[in-house]
Amino acid sequence: MHEPQSRDAFQRVDKVQLARRFGAAARHYDAHAKFQQEVGQALLAMMSAGSPLTGALPEVGLDLGCGTGFFLPALADRCQRLHGLDLAPGMLAQAAQRGSGALLLCGDAEQLPFADQSLDWVFSSLALQWCERPAQAFAELYRVLKPGGQLLFSTLLSDSLWQLREAWRTVDERPHVNRFLSLPQLRRALSDGGFPAPELACQTWSLAYPELTGLLRDLKGIGASQLNDGRQPGLGNRQRLLRLEEAYEQFRQPDGLLAASYQVCLGRLVRQ
C-alpha cells in the first residue's frame, strides 16, 4: 500500500528554471497534455454549474497560468474583458496564436499585477501547484477578487504519480517526482490566504500507457520534469532507465497497460 508523501506547505522553486522549462515545451505542450485538458474541462463544467450564463456578463476575468491558452477561447465568452497570465513567455507566445482577444501578461501568481478587488473571477487549472508559497498565492487571489468574486482552480495533490515515485525508490534515493501539497496542507494554505471554508472536490485521474517511456515522454513534453528544490532532472544512463522500467512493471494492469495516476483537487472559492 502506498503512502501519500507529506511536506511543509513551502517549497523551493527556481522560477527562472520553471519558466524556461515550460517555455521550451510550449510548442509541443498540447500534444502531451490530454490529462491537463481533461482536468481543465472538468473545471469549466464546475464553473458553468456554479455560474450559469444569464444576465450581464462579469466585467473582468483571469486565466491564471494560462499556458498555451487552450482554455482562453472558452473563457472569453464568460466575461467582457479577459486576461491570461503565465510565468513563461514561451507559453504566452503560443497563447497569442489562439485569437481569443485576451490580454496576455507575464507574471507570478504570488505577486499578481492587478489592483485590489479588480477581478470578477479567476480560472486556474493545474498551475497553483508550482507556487513556492501557496498561502501567498491564495492571499493574492483574495486581494484581487471583488467581493463575491469567484476563484475556480484545480491543483495536484501529494499522491500524484505515486507509482513512478515508488519505482524510482528501487533505483536511488534522489527525488525524481515533483512533490505537491497534501489535502490538509492545501486547506491550511487556503485558510491562511483568506479562504476559510472552501468548496473542494478530490478526484483521481487514472492514466495508462503501453510502456513507461510513454509516461516519461509526456512529462518531458509538458515541461513537468522534476523541478522541486532546484535539482537537475534526468533519467541518467540506460542501465538506470532499465532498472526503472523493471521496477514499474509491478503496476502493469490485467489489460496489459501500465497504471499512472494523478490526485487532483478542484475548488470553487468565493471572496467574502
C-alpha atoms as a PDB file:
ATOM      1  CA  MET A   1       0.000   0.000   0.000  1.00  0.00           C
ATOM      2  CA  HIS A   2       1.430   3.364  -0.990  1.00  0.00           C
ATOM      3  CA  GLU A   3       1.583   6.284   1.427  1.00  0.00           C
ATOM      4  CA  PRO A   4       0.999   9.933   0.464  1.00  0.00           C
ATOM      5  CA  GLN A   5       4.154  11.983   0.741  1.00  0.00           C
ATOM      6  CA  SER A   6       3.904  14.764   3.318  1.00  0.00           C
ATOM      7  CA  ARG A   7       5.821  18.016   3.277  1.00  0.00           C
ATOM      8  CA  ASP A   8       5.689  21.590   4.516  1.00  0.00           C
ATOM      9  CA  ALA A   9       3.427  23.990   2.621  1.00  0.00           C
ATOM     10  CA  PHE A  10       6.546  25.718   1.291  1.00  0.00           C
ATOM     11  CA  GLN A  11       8.916  24.523  -1.368  1.00  0.00           C
ATOM     12  CA  ARG A  12      11.955  25.935  -3.050  1.00  0.00           C
ATOM     13  CA  VAL A  13      11.169  26.630  -6.685  1.00  0.00           C
ATOM     14  CA  ASP A  14      13.642  28.061  -9.172  1.00  0.00           C
ATOM     15  CA  LYS A  15      11.144  30.190 -11.078  1.00  0.00           C
ATOM     16  CA  VAL A  16      13.625  31.134 -13.783  1.00  0.00           C
ATOM     17  CA  GLN A  17      14.156  27.427 -14.448  1.00  0.00           C
ATOM     18  CA  LEU A  18      10.410  26.806 -14.191  1.00  0.00           C
ATOM     19  CA  ALA A  19       9.618  29.464 -16.796  1.00  0.00           C
ATOM     20  CA  ARG A  20      12.406  28.250 -19.066  1.00  0.00           C
ATOM     21  CA  ARG A  21      11.296  24.617 -18.850  1.00  0.00           C
ATOM     22  CA  PHE A  22       7.641  25.296 -19.605  1.00  0.00           C
ATOM     23  CA  GLY A  23       8.538  27.841 -22.253  1.00  0.00           C
ATOM     24  CA  ALA A  24      10.740  25.330 -24.035  1.00  0.00           C
ATOM     25  CA  ALA A  25       7.866  22.835 -24.023  1.00  0.00           C
ATOM     26  CA  ALA A  26       5.272  25.328 -25.282  1.00  0.00           C
ATOM     27  CA  ARG A  27       5.271  24.374 -28.976  1.00  0.00           C
ATOM     28  CA  HIS A  28       4.562  20.689 -28.324  1.00  0.00           C
ATOM     29  CA  TYR A  29       2.795  21.020 -24.952  1.00  0.00           C
ATOM     30  CA  ASP A  30      -0.754  20.424 -26.224  1.00  0.00           C
ATOM     31  CA  ALA A  31       0.237  17.155 -27.904  1.00  0.00           C
ATOM     32  CA  HIS A  32       1.237  15.737 -24.494  1.00  0.00           C
ATOM     33  CA  ALA A  33      -1.448  17.418 -22.367  1.00  0.00           C
ATOM     34  CA  LYS A  34      -4.548  15.228 -22.702  1.00  0.00           C
ATOM     35  CA  PHE A  35      -4.756  14.818 -18.922  1.00  0.00           C
ATOM     36  CA  GLN A  36      -4.333  18.564 -18.351  1.00  0.00           C
ATOM     37  CA  GLN A  37      -7.064  19.284 -20.897  1.00  0.00           C
ATOM     38  CA  GLU A  38      -9.461  16.829 -19.241  1.00  0.00           C
ATOM     39  CA  VAL A  39      -8.933  18.446 -15.843  1.00  0.00           C
ATOM     40  CA  GLY A  40      -9.499  21.905 -17.313  1.00  0.00           C
ATOM     41  CA  GLN A  41     -12.727  20.751 -18.930  1.00  0.00           C
ATOM     42  CA  ALA A  42     -13.916  19.436 -15.567  1.00  0.00           C
ATOM     43  CA  LEU A  43     -13.138  22.819 -14.036  1.00  0.00           C
ATOM     44  CA  LEU A  44     -15.042  24.591 -16.815  1.00  0.00           C
ATOM     45  CA  ALA A  45     -18.033  22.367 -16.064  1.00  0.00           C
ATOM     46  CA  MET A  46     -17.801  23.330 -12.393  1.00  0.00           C
ATOM     47  CA  MET A  47     -17.644  26.963 -13.417  1.00  0.00           C
ATOM     48  CA  SER A  48     -20.752  26.614 -15.584  1.00  0.00           C
ATOM     49  CA  ALA A  49     -22.686  24.791 -12.865  1.00  0.00           C
ATOM     50  CA  GLY A  50     -21.930  27.478 -10.309  1.00  0.00           C
ATOM     51  CA  SER A  51     -22.370  30.497 -12.571  1.00  0.00           C
ATOM     52  CA  PRO A  52     -24.856  29.874 -15.407  1.00  0.00           C
ATOM     53  CA  LEU A  53     -24.514  32.408 -18.228  1.00  0.00           C
ATOM     54  CA  THR A  54     -27.609  34.512 -17.605  1.00  0.00           C
ATOM     55  CA  GLY A  55     -27.885  38.280 -17.396  1.00  0.00           C
ATOM     56  CA  ALA A  56     -24.985  40.663 -17.821  1.00  0.00           C
ATOM     57  CA  LEU A  57     -21.530  39.169 -18.267  1.00  0.00           C
ATOM     58  CA  PRO A  58     -18.992  39.715 -15.478  1.00  0.00           C
ATOM     59  CA  GLU A  59     -16.651  42.546 -16.355  1.00  0.00           C
ATOM     60  CA  VAL A  60     -13.142  41.100 -15.873  1.00  0.00           C
ATOM     61  CA  GLY A  61     -11.858  37.512 -15.738  1.00  0.00           C
ATOM     62  CA  LEU A  62      -8.404  35.959 -15.463  1.00  0.00           C
ATOM     63  CA  ASP A  63      -6.943  32.656 -16.619  1.00  0.00           C
ATOM     64  CA  LEU A  64      -4.084  32.269 -14.139  1.00  0.00           C
ATOM     65  CA  GLY A  65      -1.359  30.027 -15.515  1.00  0.00           C
ATOM     66  CA  CYS A  66      -2.964  30.114 -18.945  1.00  0.00           C
ATOM     67  CA  GLY A  67      -0.101  28.196 -20.580  1.00  0.00           C
ATOM     68  CA  THR A  68      -0.659  27.790 -24.316  1.00  0.00           C
ATOM     69  CA  GLY A  69      -4.074  29.424 -23.977  1.00  0.00           C
ATOM     70  CA  PHE A  70      -6.042  26.225 -24.570  1.00  0.00           C
ATOM     71  CA  PHE A  71      -8.976  27.470 -22.470  1.00  0.00           C
ATOM     72  CA  LEU A  72      -8.867  31.160 -23.407  1.00  0.00           C
ATOM     73  CA  PRO A  73     -11.454  30.932 -26.239  1.00  0.00           C
ATOM     74  CA  ALA A  74     -13.999  29.258 -23.944  1.00  0.00           C
ATOM     75  CA  LEU A  75     -13.298  31.698 -21.116  1.00  0.00           C
ATOM     76  CA  ALA A  76     -13.549  34.746 -23.387  1.00  0.00           C
ATOM     77  CA  ASP A  77     -17.309  34.164 -23.636  1.00  0.00           C
ATOM     78  CA  ARG A  78     -17.667  34.390 -19.862  1.00  0.00           C
ATOM     79  CA  CYS A  79     -16.596  37.981 -19.285  1.00  0.00           C
ATOM     80  CA  GLN A  80     -16.345  41.334 -21.023  1.00  0.00           C
ATOM     81  CA  ARG A  81     -12.564  41.533 -20.684  1.00  0.00           C
ATOM     82  CA  LEU A  82     -10.261  38.539 -20.252  1.00  0.00           C
ATOM     83  CA  HIS A  83      -6.671  38.428 -19.051  1.00  0.00           C
ATOM     84  CA  GLY A  84      -4.293  35.499 -19.428  1.00  0.00           C
ATOM     85  CA  LEU A  85      -1.275  35.367 -17.141  1.00  0.00           C
ATOM     86  CA  ASP A  86       1.646  32.945 -17.199  1.00  0.00           C
ATOM     87  CA  LEU A  87       5.168  32.814 -15.807  1.00  0.00           C
ATOM     88  CA  ALA A  88       6.655  31.555 -19.099  1.00  0.00           C
ATOM     89  CA  PRO A  89       6.996  33.945 -22.061  1.00  0.00           C
ATOM     90  CA  GLY A  90       7.221  30.936 -24.381  1.00  0.00           C
ATOM     91  CA  MET A  91       3.779  29.794 -23.267  1.00  0.00           C
ATOM     92  CA  LEU A  92       2.343  33.257 -23.825  1.00  0.00           C
ATOM     93  CA  ALA A  93       3.752  33.298 -27.351  1.00  0.00           C
ATOM     94  CA  GLN A  94       1.716  30.159 -28.085  1.00  0.00           C
ATOM     95  CA  ALA A  95      -1.352  31.582 -26.335  1.00  0.00           C
ATOM     96  CA  ALA A  96      -1.203  34.664 -28.548  1.00  0.00           C
ATOM     97  CA  GLN A  97      -1.933  32.450 -31.545  1.00  0.00           C
ATOM     98  CA  ARG A  98      -5.341  31.430 -30.163  1.00  0.00           C
ATOM     99  CA  GLY A  99      -7.021  34.646 -31.303  1.00  0.00           C
ATOM    100  CA  SER A 100      -9.079  34.782 -28.107  1.00  0.00           C
ATOM    101  CA  GLY A 101      -8.783  38.531 -27.647  1.00  0.00           C
ATOM    102  CA  ALA A 102      -7.384  38.047 -24.147  1.00  0.00           C
ATOM    103  CA  LEU A 103      -4.814  40.495 -22.821  1.00  0.00           C
ATOM    104  CA  LEU A 104      -1.744  38.349 -22.122  1.00  0.00           C
ATOM    105  CA  LEU A 105       0.602  39.180 -19.251  1.00  0.00           C
ATOM    106  CA  CYS A 106       3.802  37.614 -17.958  1.00  0.00           C
ATOM    107  CA  GLY A 107       3.665  37.400 -14.194  1.00  0.00           C
ATOM    108  CA  ASP A 108       3.796  35.426 -10.975  1.00  0.00           C
ATOM    109  CA  ALA A 109       0.784  34.066  -9.073  1.00  0.00           C
ATOM    110  CA  GLU A 110       2.456  35.109  -5.834  1.00  0.00           C
ATOM    111  CA  GLN A 111       2.651  38.757  -6.947  1.00  0.00           C
ATOM    112  CA  LEU A 112      -0.292  39.436  -9.228  1.00  0.00           C
ATOM    113  CA  PRO A 113      -0.144  42.587 -11.387  1.00  0.00           C
ATOM    114  CA  PHE A 114      -3.739  43.610 -10.663  1.00  0.00           C
ATOM    115  CA  ALA A 115      -5.336  46.198  -8.408  1.00  0.00           C
ATOM    116  CA  ASP A 116      -7.229  45.266  -5.272  1.00  0.00           C
ATOM    117  CA  GLN A 117     -10.767  43.980  -5.884  1.00  0.00           C
ATOM    118  CA  SER A 118     -10.448  44.317  -9.666  1.00  0.00           C
ATOM    119  CA  LEU A 119     -11.421  40.836 -10.938  1.00  0.00           C
ATOM    120  CA  ASP A 120     -14.839  39.184 -11.067  1.00  0.00           C
ATOM    121  CA  TRP A 121     -13.477  35.659 -11.387  1.00  0.00           C
ATOM    122  CA  VAL A 122     -10.236  33.723 -11.726  1.00  0.00           C
ATOM    123  CA  PHE A 123      -9.878  30.375 -13.501  1.00  0.00           C
ATOM    124  CA  SER A 124      -6.672  28.466 -12.780  1.00  0.00           C
ATOM    125  CA  SER A 125      -6.173  24.862 -13.874  1.00  0.00           C
ATOM    126  CA  LEU A 126      -3.104  22.879 -12.770  1.00  0.00           C
ATOM    127  CA  ALA A 127      -0.935  25.938 -12.213  1.00  0.00           C
ATOM    128  CA  LEU A 128      -1.019  26.707  -8.486  1.00  0.00           C
ATOM    129  CA  GLN A 129       0.918  23.551  -7.569  1.00  0.00           C
ATOM    130  CA  TRP A 130       4.062  25.230  -8.919  1.00  0.00           C
ATOM    131  CA  CYS A 131       3.895  28.079  -6.386  1.00  0.00           C
ATOM    132  CA  GLU A 132       6.696  28.422  -3.871  1.00  0.00           C
ATOM    133  CA  ARG A 133       4.382  29.864  -1.200  1.00  0.00           C
ATOM    134  CA  PRO A 134       0.834  28.608  -1.799  1.00  0.00           C
ATOM    135  CA  ALA A 135      -0.688  30.681   1.009  1.00  0.00           C
ATOM    136  CA  GLN A 136       0.835  33.810  -0.534  1.00  0.00           C
ATOM    137  CA  ALA A 137      -0.704  32.940  -3.897  1.00  0.00           C
ATOM    138  CA  PHE A 138      -4.145  32.453  -2.351  1.00  0.00           C
ATOM    139  CA  ALA A 139      -3.767  35.719  -0.425  1.00  0.00           C
ATOM    140  CA  GLU A 140      -3.016  37.480  -3.702  1.00  0.00           C
ATOM    141  CA  LEU A 141      -6.066  35.914  -5.313  1.00  0.00           C
ATOM    142  CA  TYR A 142      -8.220  37.010  -2.398  1.00  0.00           C
ATOM    143  CA  ARG A 143      -6.807  40.522  -2.753  1.00  0.00           C
ATOM    144  CA  VAL A 144      -7.574  40.941  -6.451  1.00  0.00           C
ATOM    145  CA  LEU A 145     -11.069  39.415  -6.419  1.00  0.00           C
ATOM    146  CA  LYS A 146     -14.075  41.652  -5.962  1.00  0.00           C
ATOM    147  CA  PRO A 147     -16.365  40.860  -3.010  1.00  0.00           C
ATOM    148  CA  GLY A 148     -18.474  37.956  -4.209  1.00  0.00           C
ATOM    149  CA  GLY A 149     -15.912  37.147  -6.902  1.00  0.00           C
ATOM    150  CA  GLN A 150     -15.015  33.508  -7.508  1.00  0.00           C
ATOM    151  CA  LEU A 151     -11.823  31.545  -7.791  1.00  0.00           C
ATOM    152  CA  LEU A 152     -12.125  28.237  -9.631  1.00  0.00           C
ATOM    153  CA  PHE A 153      -8.956  26.185  -9.502  1.00  0.00           C
ATOM    154  CA  SER A 154      -7.521  22.721  -9.891  1.00  0.00           C
ATOM    155  CA  THR A 155      -4.238  21.588  -8.429  1.00  0.00           C
ATOM    156  CA  LEU A 156      -2.275  18.374  -7.981  1.00  0.00           C
ATOM    157  CA  LEU A 157      -2.074  16.719  -4.562  1.00  0.00           C
ATOM    158  CA  SER A 158       0.676  14.725  -2.908  1.00  0.00           C
ATOM    159  CA  ASP A 159      -0.403  11.278  -4.091  1.00  0.00           C
ATOM    160  CA  SER A 160       0.070  12.183  -7.761  1.00  0.00           C
ATOM    161  CA  LEU A 161       2.313   9.812  -9.708  1.00  0.00           C
ATOM    162  CA  TRP A 162       2.902   7.669  -6.626  1.00  0.00           C
ATOM    163  CA  GLN A 163       3.649   4.674  -8.843  1.00  0.00           C
ATOM    164  CA  LEU A 164       6.541   6.489 -10.507  1.00  0.00           C
ATOM    165  CA  ARG A 165       7.841   7.647  -7.129  1.00  0.00           C
ATOM    166  CA  GLU A 166       7.771   4.098  -5.759  1.00  0.00           C
ATOM    167  CA  ALA A 167       9.539   2.721  -8.820  1.00  0.00           C
ATOM    168  CA  TRP A 168      12.299   5.322  -8.585  1.00  0.00           C
ATOM    169  CA  ARG A 169      12.932   4.364  -4.945  1.00  0.00           C
ATOM    170  CA  THR A 170      14.196   1.000  -6.114  1.00  0.00           C
ATOM    171  CA  VAL A 171      16.779   2.778  -8.288  1.00  0.00           C
ATOM    172  CA  ASP A 172      18.128   5.503  -5.978  1.00  0.00           C
ATOM    173  CA  GLU A 173      17.100   7.781  -3.116  1.00  0.00           C
ATOM    174  CA  ARG A 174      17.033  11.000  -5.120  1.00  0.00           C
ATOM    175  CA  PRO A 175      13.692  12.794  -5.635  1.00  0.00           C
ATOM    176  CA  HIS A 176      12.680  12.315  -9.271  1.00  0.00           C
ATOM    177  CA  VAL A 177       8.984  13.147  -8.958  1.00  0.00           C
ATOM    178  CA  ASN A 178       7.652  16.587  -8.096  1.00  0.00           C
ATOM    179  CA  ARG A 179       6.198  16.999  -4.613  1.00  0.00           C
ATOM    180  CA  PHE A 180       2.779  18.568  -4.091  1.00  0.00           C
ATOM    181  CA  LEU A 181       0.622  19.574  -1.142  1.00  0.00           C
ATOM    182  CA  SER A 182      -1.441  17.073   0.778  1.00  0.00           C
ATOM    183  CA  LEU A 183      -5.123  17.940   1.155  1.00  0.00           C
ATOM    184  CA  PRO A 184      -4.704  19.158   4.786  1.00  0.00           C
ATOM    185  CA  GLN A 185      -1.788  21.342   3.693  1.00  0.00           C
ATOM    186  CA  LEU A 186      -3.863  22.761   0.856  1.00  0.00           C
ATOM    187  CA  ARG A 187      -6.735  23.555   3.238  1.00  0.00           C
ATOM    188  CA  ARG A 188      -4.272  25.280   5.572  1.00  0.00           C
ATOM    189  CA  ALA A 189      -2.822  27.348   2.716  1.00  0.00           C
ATOM    190  CA  LEU A 190      -6.326  28.361   1.636  1.00  0.00           C
ATOM    191  CA  SER A 191      -7.265  29.393   5.160  1.00  0.00           C
ATOM    192  CA  ASP A 192      -4.036  31.350   5.596  1.00  0.00           C
ATOM    193  CA  GLY A 193      -4.751  33.047   2.269  1.00  0.00           C
ATOM    194  CA  GLY A 194      -8.210  34.227   3.344  1.00  0.00           C
ATOM    195  CA  PHE A 195     -10.497  31.393   2.173  1.00  0.00           C
ATOM    196  CA  PRO A 196     -11.553  29.626   5.400  1.00  0.00           C
ATOM    197  CA  ALA A 197     -14.407  27.463   4.057  1.00  0.00           C
ATOM    198  CA  PRO A 198     -13.528  26.254   0.551  1.00  0.00           C
ATOM    199  CA  GLU A 199     -15.721  24.019  -1.570  1.00  0.00           C
ATOM    200  CA  LEU A 200     -13.300  21.280  -2.641  1.00  0.00           C
ATOM    201  CA  ALA A 201     -13.681  18.042  -4.572  1.00  0.00           C
ATOM    202  CA  CYS A 202     -10.868  15.493  -4.907  1.00  0.00           C
ATOM    203  CA  GLN A 203     -10.656  13.101  -7.812  1.00  0.00           C
ATOM    204  CA  THR A 204      -8.137  10.561  -9.076  1.00  0.00           C
ATOM    205  CA  TRP A 205      -7.354  10.582 -12.777  1.00  0.00           C
ATOM    206  CA  SER A 206      -6.168   7.155 -13.902  1.00  0.00           C
ATOM    207  CA  LEU A 207      -3.922   7.035 -16.970  1.00  0.00           C
ATOM    208  CA  ALA A 208      -2.479   4.008 -18.720  1.00  0.00           C
ATOM    209  CA  TYR A 209       0.495   3.514 -21.013  1.00  0.00           C
ATOM    210  CA  PRO A 210       1.742   0.531 -23.023  1.00  0.00           C
ATOM    211  CA  GLU A 211       5.269   1.277 -21.802  1.00  0.00           C
ATOM    212  CA  LEU A 212       6.822   3.547 -19.189  1.00  0.00           C
ATOM    213  CA  THR A 213       8.531   5.604 -21.887  1.00  0.00           C
ATOM    214  CA  GLY A 214       5.118   6.998 -22.850  1.00  0.00           C
ATOM    215  CA  LEU A 215       4.591   8.490 -19.390  1.00  0.00           C
ATOM    216  CA  LEU A 216       8.129   9.861 -19.244  1.00  0.00           C
ATOM    217  CA  ARG A 217       7.704  11.344 -22.716  1.00  0.00           C
ATOM    218  CA  ASP A 218       4.503  13.132 -21.669  1.00  0.00           C
ATOM    219  CA  LEU A 219       6.117  14.557 -18.533  1.00  0.00           C
ATOM    220  CA  LYS A 220       9.042  15.860 -20.544  1.00  0.00           C
ATOM    221  CA  GLY A 221       6.723  17.080 -23.306  1.00  0.00           C
ATOM    222  CA  ILE A 222       4.785  19.378 -20.986  1.00  0.00           C
ATOM    223  CA  GLY A 223       7.910  20.627 -19.201  1.00  0.00           C
ATOM    224  CA  ALA A 224       6.988  18.937 -15.903  1.00  0.00           C
ATOM    225  CA  SER A 225      10.188  17.072 -15.204  1.00  0.00           C
ATOM    226  CA  GLN A 226      11.327  17.196 -11.595  1.00  0.00           C
ATOM    227  CA  LEU A 227      11.545  20.856 -10.545  1.00  0.00           C
ATOM    228  CA  ASN A 228      11.318  20.998  -6.735  1.00  0.00           C
ATOM    229  CA  ASP A 229      14.328  22.206  -4.769  1.00  0.00           C
ATOM    230  CA  GLY A 230      16.174  23.241  -7.918  1.00  0.00           C
ATOM    231  CA  ARG A 231      17.502  19.744  -8.567  1.00  0.00           C
ATOM    232  CA  GLN A 232      18.504  18.868 -12.083  1.00  0.00           C
ATOM    233  CA  PRO A 233      16.182  16.331 -13.736  1.00  0.00           C
ATOM    234  CA  GLY A 234      17.252  13.497 -15.950  1.00  0.00           C
ATOM    235  CA  LEU A 235      16.924   9.765 -16.262  1.00  0.00           C
ATOM    236  CA  GLY A 236      20.630   9.049 -16.108  1.00  0.00           C
ATOM    237  CA  ASN A 237      22.217   6.258 -18.062  1.00  0.00           C
ATOM    238  CA  ARG A 238      20.493   3.460 -19.927  1.00  0.00           C
ATOM    239  CA  GLN A 239      21.070   0.957 -17.131  1.00  0.00           C
ATOM    240  CA  ARG A 240      19.219   3.118 -14.600  1.00  0.00           C
ATOM    241  CA  LEU A 241      16.327   3.565 -17.027  1.00  0.00           C
ATOM    242  CA  LEU A 242      16.133  -0.213 -17.498  1.00  0.00           C
ATOM    243  CA  ARG A 243      16.021  -0.657 -13.716  1.00  0.00           C
ATOM    244  CA  LEU A 244      13.233   1.895 -13.513  1.00  0.00           C
ATOM    245  CA  GLU A 245      11.242   0.164 -16.233  1.00  0.00           C
ATOM    246  CA  GLU A 246      11.689  -3.170 -14.457  1.00  0.00           C
ATOM    247  CA  ALA A 247      10.514  -1.711 -11.146  1.00  0.00           C
ATOM    248  CA  TYR A 248       7.477  -0.100 -12.781  1.00  0.00           C
ATOM    249  CA  GLU A 249       6.301  -3.451 -14.141  1.00  0.00           C
ATOM    250  CA  GLN A 250       4.602  -4.129 -10.787  1.00  0.00           C
ATOM    251  CA  PHE A 251       1.990  -1.565 -11.875  1.00  0.00           C
ATOM    252  CA  ARG A 252       1.051  -3.326 -15.100  1.00  0.00           C
ATOM    253  CA  GLN A 253      -2.694  -3.985 -15.089  1.00  0.00           C
ATOM    254  CA  PRO A 254      -4.675  -7.027 -16.263  1.00  0.00           C
ATOM    255  CA  ASP A 255      -5.367  -5.210 -19.537  1.00  0.00           C
ATOM    256  CA  GLY A 256      -1.621  -5.132 -20.191  1.00  0.00           C
ATOM    257  CA  LEU A 257      -1.205  -1.377 -19.642  1.00  0.00           C
ATOM    258  CA  LEU A 258       0.904   0.389 -17.025  1.00  0.00           C
ATOM    259  CA  ALA A 259      -1.044   2.445 -14.488  1.00  0.00           C
ATOM    260  CA  ALA A 260      -0.234   6.070 -13.664  1.00  0.00           C
ATOM    261  CA  SER A 261      -2.488   8.195 -11.520  1.00  0.00           C
ATOM    262  CA  TYR A 262      -2.894  11.832 -10.546  1.00  0.00           C
ATOM    263  CA  GLN A 263      -4.693  13.059  -7.438  1.00  0.00           C
ATOM    264  CA  VAL A 264      -6.467  16.300  -8.317  1.00  0.00           C
ATOM    265  CA  CYS A 265      -8.320  18.797  -6.152  1.00  0.00           C
ATOM    266  CA  LEU A 266     -10.882  21.072  -7.788  1.00  0.00           C
ATOM    267  CA  GLY A 267     -12.196  24.022  -5.840  1.00  0.00           C
ATOM    268  CA  ARG A 268     -14.650  26.889  -6.017  1.00  0.00           C
ATOM    269  CA  LEU A 269     -13.913  29.721  -3.610  1.00  0.00           C
ATOM    270  CA  VAL A 270     -15.903  32.908  -3.046  1.00  0.00           C
ATOM    271  CA  ARG A 271     -14.290  36.090  -1.845  1.00  0.00           C
ATOM    272  CA  GLN A 272     -16.239  37.492   1.103  1.00  0.00           C
END
